[in-house]
Amino acid sequence: MNKIQVSLNKFDLQGFVADIIRFHTEQGIGDPDPRCVISVVNERGFTPEWGDDIPDRDINAELVREGKKVFFPFSDVNVGEPIPCADGNLYGGSSGEEEDEEDDEDDEDDDEYEEEDEFAFGMGDTDVVGFLLQVEGDTLVIQFGVHGPGLFCGQAPSVTILEDAAPFEIGMREYIKKFTAD
């Protein structure tokens, strides 16, 4: 399982939150307030929830004092192109090679499944990969997950814990190390 445990006093939580918000601001996500991309996740079904009071939101308090599970998106949404992430790298997506028009016509029905082969998990068109954080005592527990916003008929928003986060995993681990004191 992709689980990182670090002493809370050795993790720069404020720097981490600020950097995630910076990334999403640069991507133009979360307008007018990028804190809206960070969601609290309830225990039942790992359903994300967003508060109505975004301008007054204290993400550190939600996580540390209130003991909530909070999802921080590491990636932008999957739109079938290389996916920009908070570490400054691009992951997955198309290789950039031009496809033969004949192949496009023959494979129209397969288009929605082409990208899935690149990921060790099923990543939908509007999903984001990120970190699920929770404080347990004086330990910060970080798990890798995928957030499905539930934009399609019959789907509820959800966060799924990832056993294998390829191709994002190495970059995600290195990203977390940036905020961890030795």
C-alpha atoms as a PDB file:
ATOM      1  CA  MET A   1       0.000   0.000   0.000  1.00  0.00           C
ATOM      2  CA  ASN A   2       1.180   3.499  -0.765  1.00  0.00           C
ATOM      3  CA  LYS A   3       1.288   4.935   2.706  1.00  0.00           C
ATOM      4  CA  ILE A   4       3.836   7.416   4.008  1.00  0.00           C
ATOM      5  CA  GLN A   5       3.981   8.198   7.702  1.00  0.00           C
ATOM      6  CA  VAL A   6       5.922  11.196   8.972  1.00  0.00           C
ATOM      7  CA  SER A   7       6.066  12.973  12.291  1.00  0.00           C
ATOM      8  CA  LEU A   8       3.778  15.989  12.077  1.00  0.00           C
ATOM      9  CA  ASN A   9       6.476  18.266  13.500  1.00  0.00           C
ATOM     10  CA  LYS A  10       8.862  17.190  10.684  1.00  0.00           C
ATOM     11  CA  PHE A  11       6.461  18.001   7.868  1.00  0.00           C
ATOM     12  CA  ASP A  12       6.041  21.518   6.467  1.00  0.00           C
ATOM     13  CA  LEU A  13       2.260  21.348   6.230  1.00  0.00           C
ATOM     14  CA  GLN A  14       1.839  25.065   5.540  1.00  0.00           C
ATOM     15  CA  GLY A  15       4.425  24.914   2.754  1.00  0.00           C
ATOM     16  CA  PHE A  16       2.741  21.827   1.288  1.00  0.00           C
ATOM     17  CA  VAL A  17      -0.723  23.442   1.308  1.00  0.00           C
ATOM     18  CA  ALA A  18       0.663  26.679  -0.156  1.00  0.00           C
ATOM     19  CA  ASP A  19       2.465  24.810  -2.950  1.00  0.00           C
ATOM     20  CA  ILE A  20      -0.621  22.764  -3.894  1.00  0.00           C
ATOM     21  CA  ILE A  21      -2.648  26.009  -4.006  1.00  0.00           C
ATOM     22  CA  ARG A  22       0.104  27.707  -6.056  1.00  0.00           C
ATOM     23  CA  PHE A  23       0.056  24.892  -8.627  1.00  0.00           C
ATOM     24  CA  HIS A  24      -3.701  24.995  -9.053  1.00  0.00           C
ATOM     25  CA  THR A  25      -3.694  28.795  -9.257  1.00  0.00           C
ATOM     26  CA  GLU A  26      -1.117  28.603 -12.061  1.00  0.00           C
ATOM     27  CA  GLN A  27      -3.269  26.000 -13.835  1.00  0.00           C
ATOM     28  CA  GLY A  28      -6.294  28.304 -13.552  1.00  0.00           C
ATOM     29  CA  ILE A  29      -8.169  25.739 -11.474  1.00  0.00           C
ATOM     30  CA  GLY A  30     -10.373  26.648  -8.572  1.00  0.00           C
ATOM     31  CA  ASP A  31     -11.301  30.118  -9.691  1.00  0.00           C
ATOM     32  CA  PRO A  32     -12.027  32.274  -7.758  1.00  0.00           C
ATOM     33  CA  ASP A  33     -10.364  30.457  -4.837  1.00  0.00           C
ATOM     34  CA  PRO A  34      -8.053  27.481  -5.452  1.00  0.00           C
ATOM     35  CA  ARG A  35      -8.675  26.189  -1.918  1.00  0.00           C
ATOM     36  CA  CYS A  36     -11.881  24.730  -3.344  1.00  0.00           C
ATOM     37  CA  VAL A  37      -9.879  21.938  -5.062  1.00  0.00           C
ATOM     38  CA  ILE A  38      -8.845  20.629  -1.632  1.00  0.00           C
ATOM     39  CA  SER A  39     -11.640  18.512  -0.207  1.00  0.00           C
ATOM     40  CA  VAL A  40     -12.510  16.894   3.095  1.00  0.00           C
ATOM     41  CA  VAL A  41     -13.207  13.181   2.670  1.00  0.00           C
ATOM     42  CA  ASN A  42     -15.761  11.445   4.859  1.00  0.00           C
ATOM     43  CA  GLU A  43     -15.276   7.874   6.029  1.00  0.00           C
ATOM     44  CA  ARG A  44     -18.310   6.445   4.316  1.00  0.00           C
ATOM     45  CA  GLY A  45     -17.430   5.709   0.714  1.00  0.00           C
ATOM     46  CA  PHE A  46     -14.590   8.218   0.782  1.00  0.00           C
ATOM     47  CA  THR A  47     -16.936  10.905  -0.520  1.00  0.00           C
ATOM     48  CA  PRO A  48     -15.339  14.357  -0.839  1.00  0.00           C
ATOM     49  CA  GLU A  49     -17.125  17.335   0.664  1.00  0.00           C
ATOM     50  CA  TRP A  50     -16.579  21.042   0.117  1.00  0.00           C
ATOM     51  CA  GLY A  51     -17.547  23.726   2.601  1.00  0.00           C
ATOM     52  CA  ASP A  52     -19.536  26.821   1.723  1.00  0.00           C
ATOM     53  CA  ASP A  53     -17.127  29.081   3.591  1.00  0.00           C
ATOM     54  CA  ILE A  54     -14.085  28.766   1.285  1.00  0.00           C
ATOM     55  CA  PRO A  55     -12.734  32.303   1.985  1.00  0.00           C
ATOM     56  CA  ASP A  56     -12.643  31.577   5.737  1.00  0.00           C
ATOM     57  CA  ARG A  57     -11.394  28.032   5.363  1.00  0.00           C
ATOM     58  CA  ASP A  58      -8.492  26.886   7.557  1.00  0.00           C
ATOM     59  CA  ILE A  59      -7.186  23.710   5.924  1.00  0.00           C
ATOM     60  CA  ASN A  60      -4.558  23.174   8.642  1.00  0.00           C
ATOM     61  CA  ALA A  61      -7.269  23.263  11.321  1.00  0.00           C
ATOM     62  CA  GLU A  62      -9.434  20.807   9.383  1.00  0.00           C
ATOM     63  CA  LEU A  63      -6.551  18.383   9.193  1.00  0.00           C
ATOM     64  CA  VAL A  64      -4.737  18.821  12.492  1.00  0.00           C
ATOM     65  CA  ARG A  65      -7.249  20.041  15.090  1.00  0.00           C
ATOM     66  CA  GLU A  66     -10.417  18.537  13.650  1.00  0.00           C
ATOM     67  CA  GLY A  67      -8.798  15.248  12.554  1.00  0.00           C
ATOM     68  CA  LYS A  68     -10.450  15.188   9.139  1.00  0.00           C
ATOM     69  CA  LYS A  69      -9.128  13.329   6.100  1.00  0.00           C
ATOM     70  CA  VAL A  70      -8.248  15.888   3.459  1.00  0.00           C
ATOM     71  CA  PHE A  71      -7.551  15.250  -0.237  1.00  0.00           C
ATOM     72  CA  PHE A  72      -4.927  17.428  -1.937  1.00  0.00           C
ATOM     73  CA  PRO A  73      -4.798  17.078  -5.746  1.00  0.00           C
ATOM     74  CA  PHE A  74      -1.278  16.540  -7.089  1.00  0.00           C
ATOM     75  CA  SER A  75      -2.388  16.527 -10.731  1.00  0.00           C
ATOM     76  CA  ASP A  76      -4.553  18.537 -13.039  1.00  0.00           C
ATOM     77  CA  VAL A  77      -7.489  16.654 -14.595  1.00  0.00           C
ATOM     78  CA  ASN A  78      -6.900  13.860 -17.070  1.00  0.00           C
ATOM     79  CA  VAL A  79      -7.918  15.166 -20.490  1.00  0.00           C
ATOM     80  CA  GLY A  80      -5.992  12.618 -22.569  1.00  0.00           C
ATOM     81  CA  GLU A  81      -2.813  14.660 -22.838  1.00  0.00           C
ATOM     82  CA  PRO A  82       0.226  14.545 -20.589  1.00  0.00           C
ATOM     83  CA  ILE A  83      -1.071  15.592 -17.183  1.00  0.00           C
ATOM     84  CA  PRO A  84       0.614  18.553 -15.453  1.00  0.00           C
ATOM     85  CA  CYS A  85       1.397  17.954 -11.787  1.00  0.00           C
ATOM     86  CA  ALA A  86       2.431  20.010  -8.767  1.00  0.00           C
ATOM     87  CA  ASP A  87       6.039  18.807  -9.029  1.00  0.00           C
ATOM     88  CA  GLY A  88       6.356  20.569 -12.403  1.00  0.00           C
ATOM     89  CA  ASN A  89       6.382  17.333 -14.425  1.00  0.00           C
ATOM     90  CA  LEU A  90       3.954  15.872 -16.954  1.00  0.00           C
ATOM     91  CA  TYR A  91       2.722  12.288 -16.592  1.00  0.00           C
ATOM     92  CA  GLY A  92       0.831   9.861 -18.850  1.00  0.00           C
ATOM     93  CA  GLY A  93      -1.249  11.013 -21.769  1.00  0.00           C
ATOM     94  CA  SER A  94      -0.455  10.718 -25.428  1.00  0.00           C
ATOM     95  CA  SER A  95       3.064  10.241 -26.683  1.00  0.00           C
ATOM     96  CA  GLY A  96       2.693  13.195 -29.050  1.00  0.00           C
ATOM     97  CA  GLU A  97       3.014  10.963 -32.124  1.00  0.00           C
ATOM     98  CA  GLU A  98       0.595  11.636 -34.940  1.00  0.00           C
ATOM     99  CA  GLU A  99      -1.838   8.791 -35.491  1.00  0.00           C
ATOM    100  CA  ASP A 100      -2.748   7.594 -38.961  1.00  0.00           C
ATOM    101  CA  GLU A 101      -6.234   8.810 -39.943  1.00  0.00           C
ATOM    102  CA  GLU A 102      -7.115   5.266 -41.053  1.00  0.00           C
ATOM    103  CA  ASP A 103      -6.310   3.984 -37.581  1.00  0.00           C
ATOM    104  CA  ASP A 104      -8.522   6.683 -36.042  1.00  0.00           C
ATOM    105  CA  GLU A 105     -11.515   5.512 -38.070  1.00  0.00           C
ATOM    106  CA  ASP A 106     -10.955   1.851 -37.218  1.00  0.00           C
ATOM    107  CA  ASP A 107     -10.413   2.484 -33.512  1.00  0.00           C
ATOM    108  CA  GLU A 108     -13.150   5.027 -32.743  1.00  0.00           C
ATOM    109  CA  ASP A 109     -14.801   2.702 -30.235  1.00  0.00           C
ATOM    110  CA  ASP A 110     -11.478   2.068 -28.474  1.00  0.00           C
ATOM    111  CA  ASP A 111     -10.535   5.731 -27.968  1.00  0.00           C
ATOM    112  CA  GLU A 112     -11.807   5.965 -24.407  1.00  0.00           C
ATOM    113  CA  TYR A 113      -9.690   2.983 -23.352  1.00  0.00           C
ATOM    114  CA  GLU A 114      -6.379   3.946 -24.984  1.00  0.00           C
ATOM    115  CA  GLU A 115      -5.085   6.033 -22.099  1.00  0.00           C
ATOM    116  CA  GLU A 116      -5.921   3.514 -19.380  1.00  0.00           C
ATOM    117  CA  ASP A 117      -3.006   1.275 -20.383  1.00  0.00           C
ATOM    118  CA  GLU A 118      -0.575   3.976 -19.261  1.00  0.00           C
ATOM    119  CA  PHE A 119      -1.866   3.987 -15.702  1.00  0.00           C
ATOM    120  CA  ALA A 120      -1.633   1.210 -13.134  1.00  0.00           C
ATOM    121  CA  PHE A 121      -5.216   2.107 -12.175  1.00  0.00           C
ATOM    122  CA  GLY A 122      -8.368   3.168 -13.984  1.00  0.00           C
ATOM    123  CA  MET A 123      -8.157   6.931 -14.412  1.00  0.00           C
ATOM    124  CA  GLY A 124     -11.252   8.572 -15.823  1.00  0.00           C
ATOM    125  CA  ASP A 125     -11.360  11.610 -18.070  1.00  0.00           C
ATOM    126  CA  THR A 126     -11.963  14.083 -15.246  1.00  0.00           C
ATOM    127  CA  ASP A 127     -10.081  12.330 -12.430  1.00  0.00           C
ATOM    128  CA  VAL A 128      -7.179  13.820 -10.509  1.00  0.00           C
ATOM    129  CA  VAL A 129      -4.417  12.037  -8.600  1.00  0.00           C
ATOM    130  CA  GLY A 130      -3.385  13.316  -5.215  1.00  0.00           C
ATOM    131  CA  PHE A 131      -2.671  12.831  -1.553  1.00  0.00           C
ATOM    132  CA  LEU A 132      -5.110  11.830   1.166  1.00  0.00           C
ATOM    133  CA  LEU A 133      -3.778  13.206   4.455  1.00  0.00           C
ATOM    134  CA  GLN A 134      -4.898  12.430   7.981  1.00  0.00           C
ATOM    135  CA  VAL A 135      -3.323  13.125  11.354  1.00  0.00           C
ATOM    136  CA  GLU A 136      -3.151  10.182  13.783  1.00  0.00           C
ATOM    137  CA  GLY A 137      -1.719  11.356  17.108  1.00  0.00           C
ATOM    138  CA  ASP A 138       1.499  13.173  16.211  1.00  0.00           C
ATOM    139  CA  THR A 139       1.884  11.332  12.892  1.00  0.00           C
ATOM    140  CA  LEU A 140       0.814  12.552   9.490  1.00  0.00           C
ATOM    141  CA  VAL A 141      -0.428   9.657   7.343  1.00  0.00           C
ATOM    142  CA  ILE A 142      -0.230  10.278   3.593  1.00  0.00           C
ATOM    143  CA  GLN A 143      -1.834   7.944   1.078  1.00  0.00           C
ATOM    144  CA  PHE A 144      -1.990   8.211  -2.706  1.00  0.00           C
ATOM    145  CA  GLY A 145      -5.458   8.378  -4.204  1.00  0.00           C
ATOM    146  CA  VAL A 146      -7.505   9.247  -7.235  1.00  0.00           C
ATOM    147  CA  HIS A 147     -10.424  11.654  -6.962  1.00  0.00           C
ATOM    148  CA  GLY A 148     -13.332  11.064  -9.301  1.00  0.00           C
ATOM    149  CA  PRO A 149     -15.579  14.137  -9.297  1.00  0.00           C
ATOM    150  CA  GLY A 150     -18.699  12.153 -10.253  1.00  0.00           C
ATOM    151  CA  LEU A 151     -19.556  14.304 -13.241  1.00  0.00           C
ATOM    152  CA  PHE A 152     -21.223  11.476 -15.138  1.00  0.00           C
ATOM    153  CA  CYS A 153     -24.747  10.173 -14.672  1.00  0.00           C
ATOM    154  CA  GLY A 154     -25.043   7.818 -11.738  1.00  0.00           C
ATOM    155  CA  GLN A 155     -21.555   8.425 -10.356  1.00  0.00           C
ATOM    156  CA  ALA A 156     -20.990   9.998  -6.970  1.00  0.00           C
ATOM    157  CA  PRO A 157     -17.792  11.924  -6.208  1.00  0.00           C
ATOM    158  CA  SER A 158     -15.256   9.626  -4.594  1.00  0.00           C
ATOM    159  CA  VAL A 159     -11.640   9.201  -3.555  1.00  0.00           C
ATOM    160  CA  THR A 160     -10.072   5.788  -4.084  1.00  0.00           C
ATOM    161  CA  ILE A 161      -6.851   4.800  -2.330  1.00  0.00           C
ATOM    162  CA  LEU A 162      -4.273   3.574  -4.855  1.00  0.00           C
ATOM    163  CA  GLU A 163      -2.178   0.469  -4.264  1.00  0.00           C
ATOM    164  CA  ASP A 164      -0.103   1.323  -7.344  1.00  0.00           C
ATOM    165  CA  ALA A 165       0.072   4.950  -8.462  1.00  0.00           C
ATOM    166  CA  ALA A 166       2.196   4.453 -11.599  1.00  0.00           C
ATOM    167  CA  PRO A 167       3.224   6.559 -13.456  1.00  0.00           C
ATOM    168  CA  PHE A 168       2.814   9.237 -10.750  1.00  0.00           C
ATOM    169  CA  GLU A 169       4.241   7.361  -7.749  1.00  0.00           C
ATOM    170  CA  ILE A 170       7.936   8.289  -7.934  1.00  0.00           C
ATOM    171  CA  GLY A 171       7.150  11.959  -8.537  1.00  0.00           C
ATOM    172  CA  MET A 172       4.621  11.970  -5.700  1.00  0.00           C
ATOM    173  CA  ARG A 173       7.114  10.450  -3.249  1.00  0.00           C
ATOM    174  CA  GLU A 174       9.775  12.985  -4.255  1.00  0.00           C
ATOM    175  CA  TYR A 175       7.258  15.806  -3.927  1.00  0.00           C
ATOM    176  CA  ILE A 176       6.418  14.780  -0.351  1.00  0.00           C
ATOM    177  CA  LYS A 177      10.156  14.634   0.501  1.00  0.00           C
ATOM    178  CA  LYS A 178      10.423  18.354  -0.365  1.00  0.00           C
ATOM    179  CA  PHE A 179       8.280  19.112   2.680  1.00  0.00           C
ATOM    180  CA  THR A 180       9.806  16.588   5.074  1.00  0.00           C
ATOM    181  CA  ALA A 181      12.675  17.519   7.408  1.00  0.00           C
ATOM    182  CA  ASP A 182      15.402  14.872   7.726  1.00  0.00           C
END
